[in-house]
Amino acid sequence: MTAQLAPLSARDRKALILQAQQASAATRIKAGFDLKSPICIYGLSESLNVPVRFNDINMEGMYDRTPKPRIHISALRPLARRNFTCAHELGHHIFGHGSTIDELQEDLTKRQDRPPAEILADAFAAFTLMPTLGLREAFSARKLDPNKATALEMYAIACNFGVGQSTLVNHLAYGIRTISIDHRNKLGKITPKMIRTALLGVEVSEPLTVADEYWNSSTLDVEQGALLLLPAGVVVDAAVLSPEQTLTTGRLFRAAKCGITRIAIPATSWATYVRIAPRKYVGLAKFRHLEEINDE
């Protein structure tokens, strides 16, 4: 029987979170990224010579330190969850931890007996994917008070930073203490399915990414078959992004085929590259957007 670890004191936990925040900033700078923009975690890992591979395995992820550092991610988890898992495993690498395997466990971050290495890796992931300055600018650009932002507004910001809404809300509440616990609990009652239904007017099972008029990431990653809600006036390649319908909240598209395509709003600075990977892609992350080859 494995003995449980004694919970860390609030002071010790705070020190670990500060250490992780400083490490995330140093890592972004080392790799040539700024301290506020949304980031592709797979690109960051590759730039640090830590390749990432998606595998058809029933776990969250794994950091393999020897003989050469490598990160393995489950292809079975939602896209935003994979992003956070990759950042978590990269945290293990940055802090010099040994090889680790993170099993499937819900609400793991709420456990009070988590080892310091796991707290460090989680905090590193949160600050790397959601830098404090970047979040402040995101709310400011949208003229939002974080403590009054709705679930739909939070969802758009979460999509912009490539994380799940609950991940963003928890980081705002517990990581940088920008919203109250009461507001966090209120938002926590609203599921992604409820948000999709509110935005689209119908219940859908497919993942939905919202890229609003304030989107400032240079890339937008989705999987084939996923839905994208884009601003009115956007111009796309209809062979890659198939138009679904026009809504009061924007134009709805479906990712029709794999590859990379640029979308833009003419006469404005709004533009991004949509990168579409196969569903449950297995292989190296850097190859996930290769276009499909027609053998006929």
C-alpha atoms as a PDB file:
ATOM      1  CA  MET A   1       0.000   0.000   0.000  1.00  0.00           C
ATOM      2  CA  THR A   2       1.435   3.369  -1.064  1.00  0.00           C
ATOM      3  CA  ALA A   3       1.603   6.035   1.636  1.00  0.00           C
ATOM      4  CA  GLN A   4      -0.068   9.305   0.786  1.00  0.00           C
ATOM      5  CA  LEU A   5       1.983  12.463   0.779  1.00  0.00           C
ATOM      6  CA  ALA A   6       1.203  15.123   3.334  1.00  0.00           C
ATOM      7  CA  PRO A   7      -0.423  18.190   1.749  1.00  0.00           C
ATOM      8  CA  LEU A   8       1.954  21.075   1.115  1.00  0.00           C
ATOM      9  CA  SER A   9       1.511  24.272   3.091  1.00  0.00           C
ATOM     10  CA  ALA A  10      -0.014  27.239   1.298  1.00  0.00           C
ATOM     11  CA  ARG A  11       3.359  28.977   1.488  1.00  0.00           C
ATOM     12  CA  ASP A  12       5.216  26.063  -0.108  1.00  0.00           C
ATOM     13  CA  ARG A  13       2.608  25.713  -2.844  1.00  0.00           C
ATOM     14  CA  LYS A  14       2.813  29.429  -3.597  1.00  0.00           C
ATOM     15  CA  ALA A  15       6.611  29.198  -3.864  1.00  0.00           C
ATOM     16  CA  LEU A  16       6.309  26.329  -6.364  1.00  0.00           C
ATOM     17  CA  ILE A  17       3.819  28.278  -8.475  1.00  0.00           C
ATOM     18  CA  LEU A  18       6.108  31.323  -8.530  1.00  0.00           C
ATOM     19  CA  GLN A  19       9.031  29.100  -9.546  1.00  0.00           C
ATOM     20  CA  ALA A  20       6.959  27.649 -12.380  1.00  0.00           C
ATOM     21  CA  GLN A  21       5.855  31.102 -13.545  1.00  0.00           C
ATOM     22  CA  GLN A  22       9.459  32.292 -13.716  1.00  0.00           C
ATOM     23  CA  ALA A  23      10.507  29.136 -15.568  1.00  0.00           C
ATOM     24  CA  SER A  24       7.717  29.516 -18.114  1.00  0.00           C
ATOM     25  CA  ALA A  25       8.800  33.089 -18.898  1.00  0.00           C
ATOM     26  CA  ALA A  26      12.444  32.058 -19.211  1.00  0.00           C
ATOM     27  CA  THR A  27      11.486  29.169 -21.499  1.00  0.00           C
ATOM     28  CA  ARG A  28       9.434  31.350 -23.830  1.00  0.00           C
ATOM     29  CA  ILE A  29      12.253  33.901 -24.050  1.00  0.00           C
ATOM     30  CA  LYS A  30      14.864  31.204 -24.684  1.00  0.00           C
ATOM     31  CA  ALA A  31      12.783  29.850 -27.572  1.00  0.00           C
ATOM     32  CA  GLY A  32      12.295  33.317 -29.082  1.00  0.00           C
ATOM     33  CA  PHE A  33       8.670  33.872 -28.074  1.00  0.00           C
ATOM     34  CA  ASP A  34       7.247  36.932 -26.364  1.00  0.00           C
ATOM     35  CA  LEU A  35       5.611  36.891 -22.939  1.00  0.00           C
ATOM     36  CA  LYS A  36       2.019  37.523 -23.947  1.00  0.00           C
ATOM     37  CA  SER A  37       0.990  35.894 -27.228  1.00  0.00           C
ATOM     38  CA  PRO A  38      -0.784  32.542 -27.578  1.00  0.00           C
ATOM     39  CA  ILE A  39       1.745  29.832 -28.356  1.00  0.00           C
ATOM     40  CA  CYS A  40       1.835  26.473 -30.147  1.00  0.00           C
ATOM     41  CA  ILE A  41       3.108  24.185 -27.404  1.00  0.00           C
ATOM     42  CA  TYR A  42       4.290  21.581 -29.936  1.00  0.00           C
ATOM     43  CA  GLY A  43       6.341  24.201 -31.757  1.00  0.00           C
ATOM     44  CA  LEU A  44       7.827  25.317 -28.443  1.00  0.00           C
ATOM     45  CA  SER A  45       8.747  21.741 -27.553  1.00  0.00           C
ATOM     46  CA  GLU A  46      10.349  21.148 -30.944  1.00  0.00           C
ATOM     47  CA  SER A  47      12.376  24.359 -30.614  1.00  0.00           C
ATOM     48  CA  LEU A  48      13.775  22.974 -27.355  1.00  0.00           C
ATOM     49  CA  ASN A  49      14.708  19.677 -29.080  1.00  0.00           C
ATOM     50  CA  VAL A  50      11.943  17.740 -27.364  1.00  0.00           C
ATOM     51  CA  PRO A  51       9.876  16.084 -30.118  1.00  0.00           C
ATOM     52  CA  VAL A  52       6.227  15.279 -29.423  1.00  0.00           C
ATOM     53  CA  ARG A  53       4.440  12.162 -30.616  1.00  0.00           C
ATOM     54  CA  PHE A  54       0.727  11.374 -30.512  1.00  0.00           C
ATOM     55  CA  ASN A  55      -0.054   7.749 -29.660  1.00  0.00           C
ATOM     56  CA  ASP A  56      -3.163   5.574 -29.590  1.00  0.00           C
ATOM     57  CA  ILE A  57      -2.806   4.951 -25.861  1.00  0.00           C
ATOM     58  CA  ASN A  58      -5.217   5.224 -22.953  1.00  0.00           C
ATOM     59  CA  MET A  59      -3.335   7.739 -20.819  1.00  0.00           C
ATOM     60  CA  GLU A  60      -2.817  11.496 -20.624  1.00  0.00           C
ATOM     61  CA  GLY A  61       0.840  11.659 -21.568  1.00  0.00           C
ATOM     62  CA  MET A  62       4.389  10.634 -20.835  1.00  0.00           C
ATOM     63  CA  TYR A  63       7.764  12.332 -20.598  1.00  0.00           C
ATOM     64  CA  ASP A  64      10.565   9.981 -21.653  1.00  0.00           C
ATOM     65  CA  ARG A  65      13.905  11.450 -20.571  1.00  0.00           C
ATOM     66  CA  THR A  66      16.287   8.784 -21.886  1.00  0.00           C
ATOM     67  CA  PRO A  67      18.059   8.160 -24.137  1.00  0.00           C
ATOM     68  CA  LYS A  68      16.794  11.404 -25.730  1.00  0.00           C
ATOM     69  CA  PRO A  69      13.991  13.593 -24.317  1.00  0.00           C
ATOM     70  CA  ARG A  70      10.616  12.960 -25.940  1.00  0.00           C
ATOM     71  CA  ILE A  71       6.985  13.623 -25.070  1.00  0.00           C
ATOM     72  CA  HIS A  72       4.178  11.169 -25.788  1.00  0.00           C
ATOM     73  CA  ILE A  73       0.552  12.357 -25.810  1.00  0.00           C
ATOM     74  CA  SER A  74      -2.662  10.351 -26.047  1.00  0.00           C
ATOM     75  CA  ALA A  75      -4.416  10.909 -29.376  1.00  0.00           C
ATOM     76  CA  LEU A  76      -7.698   9.965 -27.696  1.00  0.00           C
ATOM     77  CA  ARG A  77      -8.093  13.085 -25.563  1.00  0.00           C
ATOM     78  CA  PRO A  78      -9.705  16.397 -26.632  1.00  0.00           C
ATOM     79  CA  LEU A  79      -7.412  18.797 -28.478  1.00  0.00           C
ATOM     80  CA  ALA A  80      -7.255  21.417 -25.720  1.00  0.00           C
ATOM     81  CA  ARG A  81      -6.533  18.717 -23.154  1.00  0.00           C
ATOM     82  CA  ARG A  82      -3.634  17.469 -25.291  1.00  0.00           C
ATOM     83  CA  ASN A  83      -2.187  20.972 -25.448  1.00  0.00           C
ATOM     84  CA  PHE A  84      -2.148  21.249 -21.664  1.00  0.00           C
ATOM     85  CA  THR A  85      -0.767  17.733 -21.245  1.00  0.00           C
ATOM     86  CA  CYS A  86       2.081  18.515 -23.626  1.00  0.00           C
ATOM     87  CA  ALA A  87       2.883  21.689 -21.697  1.00  0.00           C
ATOM     88  CA  HIS A  88       2.761  19.683 -18.454  1.00  0.00           C
ATOM     89  CA  GLU A  89       5.201  17.088 -19.788  1.00  0.00           C
ATOM     90  CA  LEU A  90       7.465  19.862 -21.093  1.00  0.00           C
ATOM     91  CA  GLY A  91       7.454  21.219 -17.556  1.00  0.00           C
ATOM     92  CA  HIS A  92       8.904  17.926 -16.338  1.00  0.00           C
ATOM     93  CA  HIS A  93      11.678  18.355 -18.912  1.00  0.00           C
ATOM     94  CA  ILE A  94      12.405  21.958 -17.967  1.00  0.00           C
ATOM     95  CA  PHE A  95      12.709  21.098 -14.274  1.00  0.00           C
ATOM     96  CA  GLY A  96      14.962  18.108 -14.931  1.00  0.00           C
ATOM     97  CA  HIS A  97      12.500  15.526 -13.647  1.00  0.00           C
ATOM     98  CA  GLY A  98      12.887  11.866 -14.511  1.00  0.00           C
ATOM     99  CA  SER A  99      10.657   9.983 -16.929  1.00  0.00           C
ATOM    100  CA  THR A 100       6.998  10.191 -15.910  1.00  0.00           C
ATOM    101  CA  ILE A 101       3.687   8.671 -16.946  1.00  0.00           C
ATOM    102  CA  ASP A 102       0.507  10.646 -16.327  1.00  0.00           C
ATOM    103  CA  GLU A 103      -2.505   8.348 -16.201  1.00  0.00           C
ATOM    104  CA  LEU A 104      -6.098   9.268 -16.961  1.00  0.00           C
ATOM    105  CA  GLN A 105      -7.521  10.869 -13.827  1.00  0.00           C
ATOM    106  CA  GLU A 106     -10.272  13.443 -13.665  1.00  0.00           C
ATOM    107  CA  ASP A 107      -9.967  16.473 -11.373  1.00  0.00           C
ATOM    108  CA  LEU A 108      -6.377  15.550 -10.556  1.00  0.00           C
ATOM    109  CA  THR A 109      -5.409  19.159  -9.906  1.00  0.00           C
ATOM    110  CA  LYS A 110      -7.863  19.332  -6.991  1.00  0.00           C
ATOM    111  CA  ARG A 111      -5.987  16.719  -4.964  1.00  0.00           C
ATOM    112  CA  GLN A 112      -4.151  18.215  -2.022  1.00  0.00           C
ATOM    113  CA  ASP A 113      -1.516  15.476  -1.825  1.00  0.00           C
ATOM    114  CA  ARG A 114       0.020  16.012  -5.261  1.00  0.00           C
ATOM    115  CA  PRO A 115       3.819  15.721  -5.365  1.00  0.00           C
ATOM    116  CA  PRO A 116       5.743  18.998  -5.787  1.00  0.00           C
ATOM    117  CA  ALA A 117       6.947  17.875  -9.237  1.00  0.00           C
ATOM    118  CA  GLU A 118       3.344  17.594 -10.459  1.00  0.00           C
ATOM    119  CA  ILE A 119       2.399  20.980  -9.013  1.00  0.00           C
ATOM    120  CA  LEU A 120       5.408  22.513 -10.771  1.00  0.00           C
ATOM    121  CA  ALA A 121       4.531  20.869 -14.094  1.00  0.00           C
ATOM    122  CA  ASP A 122       0.880  21.958 -13.918  1.00  0.00           C
ATOM    123  CA  ALA A 123       1.752  25.549 -13.015  1.00  0.00           C
ATOM    124  CA  PHE A 124       4.412  25.660 -15.735  1.00  0.00           C
ATOM    125  CA  ALA A 125       1.827  24.480 -18.267  1.00  0.00           C
ATOM    126  CA  ALA A 126      -0.720  27.063 -17.157  1.00  0.00           C
ATOM    127  CA  PHE A 127       1.644  30.039 -17.286  1.00  0.00           C
ATOM    128  CA  THR A 128       3.238  28.907 -20.551  1.00  0.00           C
ATOM    129  CA  LEU A 129      -0.088  28.539 -22.351  1.00  0.00           C
ATOM    130  CA  MET A 130      -1.832  31.425 -20.581  1.00  0.00           C
ATOM    131  CA  PRO A 131       0.746  34.132 -19.785  1.00  0.00           C
ATOM    132  CA  THR A 132      -0.588  36.722 -17.358  1.00  0.00           C
ATOM    133  CA  LEU A 133       0.111  39.695 -19.622  1.00  0.00           C
ATOM    134  CA  GLY A 134      -1.577  37.961 -22.538  1.00  0.00           C
ATOM    135  CA  LEU A 135      -4.720  37.267 -20.524  1.00  0.00           C
ATOM    136  CA  ARG A 136      -4.872  40.849 -19.318  1.00  0.00           C
ATOM    137  CA  GLU A 137      -4.662  42.099 -22.909  1.00  0.00           C
ATOM    138  CA  ALA A 138      -7.312  39.608 -24.024  1.00  0.00           C
ATOM    139  CA  PHE A 139      -9.834  40.912 -21.501  1.00  0.00           C
ATOM    140  CA  SER A 140      -8.843  44.528 -22.129  1.00  0.00           C
ATOM    141  CA  ALA A 141      -9.239  44.239 -25.908  1.00  0.00           C
ATOM    142  CA  ARG A 142     -12.738  42.808 -25.423  1.00  0.00           C
ATOM    143  CA  LYS A 143     -13.532  45.456 -22.768  1.00  0.00           C
ATOM    144  CA  LEU A 144     -14.391  42.707 -20.290  1.00  0.00           C
ATOM    145  CA  ASP A 145     -14.204  42.613 -16.523  1.00  0.00           C
ATOM    146  CA  PRO A 146     -13.007  39.038 -15.827  1.00  0.00           C
ATOM    147  CA  ASN A 147     -15.295  38.853 -12.798  1.00  0.00           C
ATOM    148  CA  LYS A 148     -18.287  39.684 -14.973  1.00  0.00           C
ATOM    149  CA  ALA A 149     -17.347  37.775 -18.132  1.00  0.00           C
ATOM    150  CA  THR A 150     -19.901  35.221 -19.289  1.00  0.00           C
ATOM    151  CA  ALA A 151     -19.141  31.610 -20.091  1.00  0.00           C
ATOM    152  CA  LEU A 152     -19.402  32.388 -23.820  1.00  0.00           C
ATOM    153  CA  GLU A 153     -16.913  35.247 -23.492  1.00  0.00           C
ATOM    154  CA  MET A 154     -14.536  33.064 -21.481  1.00  0.00           C
ATOM    155  CA  TYR A 155     -14.861  30.348 -24.113  1.00  0.00           C
ATOM    156  CA  ALA A 156     -13.662  32.652 -26.900  1.00  0.00           C
ATOM    157  CA  ILE A 157     -10.587  33.617 -24.875  1.00  0.00           C
ATOM    158  CA  ALA A 158      -9.884  29.984 -23.976  1.00  0.00           C
ATOM    159  CA  CYS A 159     -10.001  29.050 -27.679  1.00  0.00           C
ATOM    160  CA  ASN A 160      -7.598  31.895 -28.468  1.00  0.00           C
ATOM    161  CA  PHE A 161      -5.025  30.429 -26.048  1.00  0.00           C
ATOM    162  CA  GLY A 162      -5.646  26.809 -27.060  1.00  0.00           C
ATOM    163  CA  VAL A 163      -6.990  25.646 -23.706  1.00  0.00           C
ATOM    164  CA  GLY A 164     -10.290  24.418 -22.365  1.00  0.00           C
ATOM    165  CA  GLN A 165     -12.667  26.848 -20.735  1.00  0.00           C
ATOM    166  CA  SER A 166     -12.403  25.147 -17.333  1.00  0.00           C
ATOM    167  CA  THR A 167      -8.593  25.301 -17.576  1.00  0.00           C
ATOM    168  CA  LEU A 168      -8.745  29.047 -18.208  1.00  0.00           C
ATOM    169  CA  VAL A 169     -11.283  29.676 -15.455  1.00  0.00           C
ATOM    170  CA  ASN A 170      -9.327  27.638 -12.898  1.00  0.00           C
ATOM    171  CA  HIS A 171      -6.111  29.481 -13.782  1.00  0.00           C
ATOM    172  CA  LEU A 172      -7.857  32.840 -13.410  1.00  0.00           C
ATOM    173  CA  ALA A 173      -9.197  31.812 -10.016  1.00  0.00           C
ATOM    174  CA  TYR A 174      -6.356  29.818  -8.478  1.00  0.00           C
ATOM    175  CA  GLY A 175      -3.277  30.687 -10.550  1.00  0.00           C
ATOM    176  CA  ILE A 176      -3.356  34.461 -10.943  1.00  0.00           C
ATOM    177  CA  ARG A 177      -6.362  35.209  -8.697  1.00  0.00           C
ATOM    178  CA  THR A 178      -8.092  37.442 -11.236  1.00  0.00           C
ATOM    179  CA  ILE A 179     -11.619  36.161 -10.607  1.00  0.00           C
ATOM    180  CA  SER A 180     -13.412  35.224  -7.411  1.00  0.00           C
ATOM    181  CA  ILE A 181     -14.050  31.637  -6.394  1.00  0.00           C
ATOM    182  CA  ASP A 182     -17.773  32.379  -6.551  1.00  0.00           C
ATOM    183  CA  HIS A 183     -17.486  33.449 -10.202  1.00  0.00           C
ATOM    184  CA  ARG A 184     -15.310  30.429 -10.925  1.00  0.00           C
ATOM    185  CA  ASN A 185     -17.955  28.128  -9.399  1.00  0.00           C
ATOM    186  CA  LYS A 186     -20.705  29.857 -11.373  1.00  0.00           C
ATOM    187  CA  LEU A 187     -18.857  29.391 -14.661  1.00  0.00           C
ATOM    188  CA  GLY A 188     -17.964  25.822 -13.699  1.00  0.00           C
ATOM    189  CA  LYS A 189     -21.619  24.825 -13.883  1.00  0.00           C
ATOM    190  CA  ILE A 190     -21.740  25.613 -17.607  1.00  0.00           C
ATOM    191  CA  THR A 191     -20.468  22.747 -19.751  1.00  0.00           C
ATOM    192  CA  PRO A 192     -18.838  22.994 -23.214  1.00  0.00           C
ATOM    193  CA  LYS A 193     -21.937  21.303 -24.628  1.00  0.00           C
ATOM    194  CA  MET A 194     -24.126  24.059 -23.164  1.00  0.00           C
ATOM    195  CA  ILE A 195     -21.821  26.706 -24.634  1.00  0.00           C
ATOM    196  CA  ARG A 196     -21.904  25.125 -28.095  1.00  0.00           C
ATOM    197  CA  THR A 197     -25.693  25.007 -27.980  1.00  0.00           C
ATOM    198  CA  ALA A 198     -25.932  28.642 -26.883  1.00  0.00           C
ATOM    199  CA  LEU A 199     -23.598  29.798 -29.665  1.00  0.00           C
ATOM    200  CA  LEU A 200     -25.053  27.702 -32.479  1.00  0.00           C
ATOM    201  CA  GLY A 201     -28.688  27.459 -31.474  1.00  0.00           C
ATOM    202  CA  VAL A 202     -28.651  23.679 -31.849  1.00  0.00           C
ATOM    203  CA  GLU A 203     -27.075  20.817 -29.962  1.00  0.00           C
ATOM    204  CA  VAL A 204     -23.946  19.422 -31.658  1.00  0.00           C
ATOM    205  CA  SER A 205     -21.439  16.801 -30.627  1.00  0.00           C
ATOM    206  CA  GLU A 206     -18.491  18.054 -32.701  1.00  0.00           C
ATOM    207  CA  PRO A 207     -15.771  20.210 -31.110  1.00  0.00           C
ATOM    208  CA  LEU A 208     -16.230  23.932 -31.716  1.00  0.00           C
ATOM    209  CA  THR A 209     -13.485  26.561 -31.893  1.00  0.00           C
ATOM    210  CA  VAL A 210     -14.463  30.220 -31.674  1.00  0.00           C
ATOM    211  CA  ALA A 211     -12.130  32.737 -33.309  1.00  0.00           C
ATOM    212  CA  ASP A 212     -13.675  36.127 -32.638  1.00  0.00           C
ATOM    213  CA  GLU A 213     -12.704  39.537 -34.024  1.00  0.00           C
ATOM    214  CA  TYR A 214     -10.009  39.859 -31.343  1.00  0.00           C
ATOM    215  CA  TRP A 215      -8.244  36.607 -32.224  1.00  0.00           C
ATOM    216  CA  ASN A 216      -4.489  37.267 -32.113  1.00  0.00           C
ATOM    217  CA  SER A 217      -2.880  33.870 -32.535  1.00  0.00           C
ATOM    218  CA  SER A 218      -0.956  33.263 -35.751  1.00  0.00           C
ATOM    219  CA  THR A 219      -2.359  29.734 -35.961  1.00  0.00           C
ATOM    220  CA  LEU A 220      -5.627  27.955 -35.259  1.00  0.00           C
ATOM    221  CA  ASP A 221      -5.417  24.192 -34.762  1.00  0.00           C
ATOM    222  CA  VAL A 222      -8.423  21.908 -35.293  1.00  0.00           C
ATOM    223  CA  GLU A 223      -9.121  18.356 -36.376  1.00  0.00           C
ATOM    224  CA  GLN A 224     -10.949  17.229 -39.476  1.00  0.00           C
ATOM    225  CA  GLY A 225     -14.705  17.406 -38.989  1.00  0.00           C
ATOM    226  CA  ALA A 226     -14.532  20.028 -36.247  1.00  0.00           C
ATOM    227  CA  LEU A 227     -16.562  23.240 -36.366  1.00  0.00           C
ATOM    228  CA  LEU A 228     -15.191  26.794 -36.464  1.00  0.00           C
ATOM    229  CA  LEU A 229     -17.169  29.923 -35.669  1.00  0.00           C
ATOM    230  CA  LEU A 230     -15.422  32.821 -37.433  1.00  0.00           C
ATOM    231  CA  PRO A 231     -16.172  36.547 -37.706  1.00  0.00           C
ATOM    232  CA  ALA A 232     -18.480  37.883 -40.401  1.00  0.00           C
ATOM    233  CA  GLY A 233     -16.576  38.962 -43.498  1.00  0.00           C
ATOM    234  CA  VAL A 234     -13.904  36.292 -43.244  1.00  0.00           C
ATOM    235  CA  VAL A 235     -12.616  34.848 -46.515  1.00  0.00           C
ATOM    236  CA  VAL A 236     -11.696  31.155 -46.591  1.00  0.00           C
ATOM    237  CA  ASP A 237     -10.860  28.378 -49.047  1.00  0.00           C
ATOM    238  CA  ALA A 238     -14.208  26.580 -49.196  1.00  0.00           C
ATOM    239  CA  ALA A 239     -12.513  23.363 -50.315  1.00  0.00           C
ATOM    240  CA  VAL A 240     -10.733  23.227 -46.955  1.00  0.00           C
ATOM    241  CA  LEU A 241     -13.239  24.973 -44.696  1.00  0.00           C
ATOM    242  CA  SER A 242     -16.741  24.079 -45.777  1.00  0.00           C
ATOM    243  CA  PRO A 243     -19.393  26.763 -45.045  1.00  0.00           C
ATOM    244  CA  GLU A 244     -22.168  25.501 -42.772  1.00  0.00           C
ATOM    245  CA  GLN A 245     -24.345  28.530 -42.029  1.00  0.00           C
ATOM    246  CA  THR A 246     -24.391  32.219 -41.167  1.00  0.00           C
ATOM    247  CA  LEU A 247     -25.353  33.047 -37.590  1.00  0.00           C
ATOM    248  CA  THR A 248     -25.799  36.273 -35.654  1.00  0.00           C
ATOM    249  CA  THR A 249     -22.568  35.348 -33.835  1.00  0.00           C
ATOM    250  CA  GLY A 250     -20.555  34.857 -37.048  1.00  0.00           C
ATOM    251  CA  ARG A 251     -20.051  32.356 -39.851  1.00  0.00           C
ATOM    252  CA  LEU A 252     -19.894  28.648 -39.100  1.00  0.00           C
ATOM    253  CA  PHE A 253     -17.507  26.374 -41.012  1.00  0.00           C
ATOM    254  CA  ARG A 254     -16.500  22.742 -40.879  1.00  0.00           C
ATOM    255  CA  ALA A 255     -12.899  21.562 -41.301  1.00  0.00           C
ATOM    256  CA  ALA A 256     -13.361  19.543 -44.481  1.00  0.00           C
ATOM    257  CA  LYS A 257      -9.868  18.225 -45.179  1.00  0.00           C
ATOM    258  CA  CYS A 258      -6.402  18.135 -43.662  1.00  0.00           C
ATOM    259  CA  GLY A 259      -3.754  20.722 -44.400  1.00  0.00           C
ATOM    260  CA  ILE A 260      -2.958  24.363 -43.737  1.00  0.00           C
ATOM    261  CA  THR A 261      -4.978  27.271 -45.083  1.00  0.00           C
ATOM    262  CA  ARG A 262      -4.888  31.018 -44.498  1.00  0.00           C
ATOM    263  CA  ILE A 263      -8.052  32.858 -43.582  1.00  0.00           C
ATOM    264  CA  ALA A 264      -8.432  36.637 -43.390  1.00  0.00           C
ATOM    265  CA  ILE A 265     -10.854  39.545 -43.254  1.00  0.00           C
ATOM    266  CA  PRO A 266     -10.073  41.818 -46.238  1.00  0.00           C
ATOM    267  CA  ALA A 267      -8.988  45.404 -45.535  1.00  0.00           C
ATOM    268  CA  THR A 268      -8.169  44.533 -41.916  1.00  0.00           C
ATOM    269  CA  SER A 269      -5.184  43.071 -40.063  1.00  0.00           C
ATOM    270  CA  TRP A 270      -7.240  40.048 -38.970  1.00  0.00           C
ATOM    271  CA  ALA A 271      -5.717  36.843 -40.341  1.00  0.00           C
ATOM    272  CA  THR A 272      -4.530  33.443 -39.155  1.00  0.00           C
ATOM    273  CA  TYR A 273      -3.462  30.060 -40.485  1.00  0.00           C
ATOM    274  CA  VAL A 274      -5.903  27.228 -39.847  1.00  0.00           C
ATOM    275  CA  ARG A 275      -4.070  23.926 -39.422  1.00  0.00           C
ATOM    276  CA  ILE A 276      -6.232  20.840 -39.784  1.00  0.00           C
ATOM    277  CA  ALA A 277      -5.056  17.434 -38.580  1.00  0.00           C
ATOM    278  CA  PRO A 278      -6.769  14.052 -38.976  1.00  0.00           C
ATOM    279  CA  ARG A 279      -8.988  12.997 -36.087  1.00  0.00           C
ATOM    280  CA  LYS A 280      -7.058  11.026 -33.480  1.00  0.00           C
ATOM    281  CA  TYR A 281      -3.860  11.506 -35.493  1.00  0.00           C
ATOM    282  CA  VAL A 282      -1.036   9.141 -34.552  1.00  0.00           C
ATOM    283  CA  GLY A 283       2.534  10.196 -35.314  1.00  0.00           C
ATOM    284  CA  LEU A 284       4.957  13.035 -34.726  1.00  0.00           C
ATOM    285  CA  ALA A 285       3.225  16.314 -33.929  1.00  0.00           C
ATOM    286  CA  LYS A 286       5.231  18.241 -36.521  1.00  0.00           C
ATOM    287  CA  PHE A 287       3.724  16.133 -39.328  1.00  0.00           C
ATOM    288  CA  ARG A 288       0.087  16.290 -38.191  1.00  0.00           C
ATOM    289  CA  HIS A 289      -0.994  18.869 -40.781  1.00  0.00           C
ATOM    290  CA  LEU A 290       0.353  17.190 -43.905  1.00  0.00           C
ATOM    291  CA  GLU A 291      -2.281  17.274 -46.594  1.00  0.00           C
ATOM    292  CA  GLU A 292      -4.029  14.084 -47.557  1.00  0.00           C
ATOM    293  CA  ILE A 293      -2.644  12.356 -50.639  1.00  0.00           C
ATOM    294  CA  ASN A 294      -5.125  11.194 -53.251  1.00  0.00           C
ATOM    295  CA  ASP A 295      -3.832   7.935 -54.759  1.00  0.00           C
ATOM    296  CA  GLU A 296      -6.305   7.930 -57.619  1.00  0.00           C
END
